[in-house]
N, C-alpha and C. Protein backbone atom coordinates (compact mmCIF):
# COMPACT_ATOMS: atom_id res chain seq x y z
N UNK A 1 42.66 25.21 -12.17
CA UNK A 1 43.19 26.06 -13.21
C UNK A 1 44.70 26.26 -13.05
N UNK A 2 45.15 26.42 -11.83
CA UNK A 2 46.59 26.59 -11.62
C UNK A 2 47.34 25.36 -12.11
N UNK A 3 46.80 24.17 -11.80
CA UNK A 3 47.47 22.94 -12.24
C UNK A 3 47.59 22.92 -13.76
N UNK A 4 46.49 23.23 -14.44
CA UNK A 4 46.49 23.15 -15.91
C UNK A 4 47.55 24.05 -16.54
N UNK A 5 47.71 25.24 -16.01
CA UNK A 5 48.59 26.21 -16.66
C UNK A 5 49.99 26.30 -16.07
N UNK A 6 50.19 25.80 -14.86
CA UNK A 6 51.51 25.91 -14.23
C UNK A 6 52.23 24.57 -14.17
N UNK A 7 51.53 23.51 -13.75
CA UNK A 7 52.19 22.22 -13.52
C UNK A 7 52.08 21.26 -14.70
N UNK A 8 50.98 21.31 -15.44
CA UNK A 8 50.75 20.33 -16.49
C UNK A 8 51.60 20.63 -17.72
N UNK A 9 52.31 19.63 -18.24
CA UNK A 9 53.13 19.86 -19.42
C UNK A 9 52.31 20.09 -20.69
N UNK A 10 51.03 19.65 -20.70
CA UNK A 10 50.22 19.81 -21.91
C UNK A 10 48.91 20.56 -21.64
N UNK A 11 48.83 21.31 -20.57
CA UNK A 11 47.67 22.12 -20.19
C UNK A 11 46.37 21.31 -20.10
N UNK A 12 46.47 20.08 -19.59
CA UNK A 12 45.29 19.27 -19.32
C UNK A 12 45.30 18.89 -17.85
N UNK A 13 44.30 18.17 -17.42
CA UNK A 13 44.24 17.71 -16.04
C UNK A 13 44.90 16.34 -15.87
N UNK A 14 45.50 15.81 -16.93
CA UNK A 14 46.18 14.52 -16.87
C UNK A 14 47.29 14.58 -15.82
N UNK A 15 47.28 13.65 -14.90
CA UNK A 15 48.28 13.60 -13.84
C UNK A 15 47.88 14.30 -12.56
N UNK A 16 46.80 15.07 -12.60
CA UNK A 16 46.38 15.83 -11.42
C UNK A 16 46.08 14.92 -10.25
N UNK A 17 45.32 13.87 -10.48
CA UNK A 17 44.89 13.01 -9.38
C UNK A 17 46.02 12.17 -8.82
N UNK A 18 47.06 11.94 -9.60
CA UNK A 18 48.21 11.21 -9.10
C UNK A 18 49.13 12.12 -8.28
N UNK A 19 49.09 13.41 -8.56
CA UNK A 19 50.01 14.36 -7.95
C UNK A 19 49.39 15.13 -6.79
N UNK A 20 48.17 15.60 -6.97
CA UNK A 20 47.53 16.46 -5.98
C UNK A 20 46.27 15.77 -5.46
N UNK A 21 46.07 15.85 -4.18
CA UNK A 21 44.88 15.25 -3.58
C UNK A 21 44.31 16.23 -2.56
N UNK A 22 43.01 16.19 -2.43
CA UNK A 22 42.37 16.98 -1.39
C UNK A 22 42.54 16.26 -0.06
N UNK A 23 42.66 17.01 0.99
CA UNK A 23 42.77 16.40 2.30
C UNK A 23 41.57 16.82 3.14
N UNK A 24 41.32 16.08 4.17
CA UNK A 24 40.21 16.36 5.07
C UNK A 24 40.80 16.75 6.42
N UNK A 25 40.27 17.82 7.00
CA UNK A 25 40.75 18.28 8.30
C UNK A 25 39.59 18.25 9.28
N UNK A 26 39.76 17.54 10.37
CA UNK A 26 38.75 17.49 11.43
C UNK A 26 38.91 18.74 12.27
N UNK A 27 37.89 19.60 12.28
CA UNK A 27 38.00 20.88 12.99
C UNK A 27 38.18 20.71 14.49
N UNK A 28 37.94 19.53 15.01
CA UNK A 28 38.21 19.26 16.43
C UNK A 28 39.70 19.32 16.72
N UNK A 29 40.53 19.23 15.67
CA UNK A 29 41.98 19.28 15.84
C UNK A 29 42.55 20.69 15.83
N UNK A 30 41.70 21.71 15.70
CA UNK A 30 42.18 23.09 15.82
C UNK A 30 42.81 23.28 17.19
N UNK A 31 43.88 24.04 17.25
CA UNK A 31 44.39 24.45 18.55
C UNK A 31 43.42 25.48 19.11
N UNK A 32 43.34 25.58 20.41
CA UNK A 32 42.35 26.46 21.05
C UNK A 32 42.44 27.90 20.55
N UNK A 33 43.66 28.40 20.31
CA UNK A 33 43.83 29.78 19.85
C UNK A 33 43.36 29.97 18.41
N UNK A 34 43.31 28.91 17.63
CA UNK A 34 42.92 29.00 16.22
C UNK A 34 41.46 28.65 15.99
N UNK A 35 40.80 28.12 16.99
CA UNK A 35 39.43 27.66 16.84
C UNK A 35 38.46 28.85 16.71
N UNK A 36 37.52 28.78 15.77
CA UNK A 36 36.51 29.83 15.68
C UNK A 36 35.71 29.92 16.98
N UNK A 37 35.28 31.13 17.32
CA UNK A 37 34.51 31.30 18.54
C UNK A 37 33.20 30.54 18.49
N UNK A 38 32.55 30.56 17.33
CA UNK A 38 31.28 29.85 17.16
C UNK A 38 31.40 28.92 15.96
N UNK A 39 31.54 27.61 16.17
CA UNK A 39 31.71 26.69 15.04
C UNK A 39 30.44 26.49 14.22
N UNK A 40 29.31 27.03 14.67
CA UNK A 40 28.06 26.88 13.93
C UNK A 40 27.80 28.15 13.11
N UNK A 41 27.86 28.02 11.80
CA UNK A 41 27.60 29.12 10.90
C UNK A 41 26.24 28.88 10.27
N UNK A 42 25.40 29.89 10.23
CA UNK A 42 24.06 29.73 9.67
C UNK A 42 24.12 29.23 8.23
N UNK A 43 25.10 29.72 7.47
CA UNK A 43 25.19 29.36 6.06
C UNK A 43 25.58 27.89 5.85
N UNK A 44 26.36 27.33 6.77
CA UNK A 44 26.91 25.99 6.57
C UNK A 44 26.43 24.96 7.58
N UNK A 45 25.72 25.36 8.60
CA UNK A 45 25.32 24.42 9.64
C UNK A 45 26.48 24.18 10.60
N UNK A 46 26.51 23.05 11.24
CA UNK A 46 27.57 22.72 12.19
C UNK A 46 28.74 22.10 11.43
N UNK A 47 29.81 22.83 11.28
CA UNK A 47 30.97 22.38 10.51
C UNK A 47 31.84 21.47 11.37
N UNK A 48 32.09 20.26 10.88
CA UNK A 48 32.93 19.31 11.62
C UNK A 48 34.20 18.97 10.87
N UNK A 49 34.21 19.14 9.53
CA UNK A 49 35.40 18.87 8.73
C UNK A 49 35.55 19.93 7.65
N UNK A 50 36.78 20.15 7.22
CA UNK A 50 37.08 21.05 6.11
C UNK A 50 37.80 20.25 5.04
N UNK A 51 37.60 20.62 3.79
CA UNK A 51 38.30 19.97 2.69
C UNK A 51 39.09 20.99 1.93
């Protein structure tokens, strides 16, 4: 929604995929101080990546 109303010249999703992309983060790359105490959440199972 932000893209459509802020970045898009014609309030469509045209150009979104060329400009913005989702990235994947491997939670093993967390620094020790930033790592969750328990990486296993009942709601999500064992989380290994974030998008």
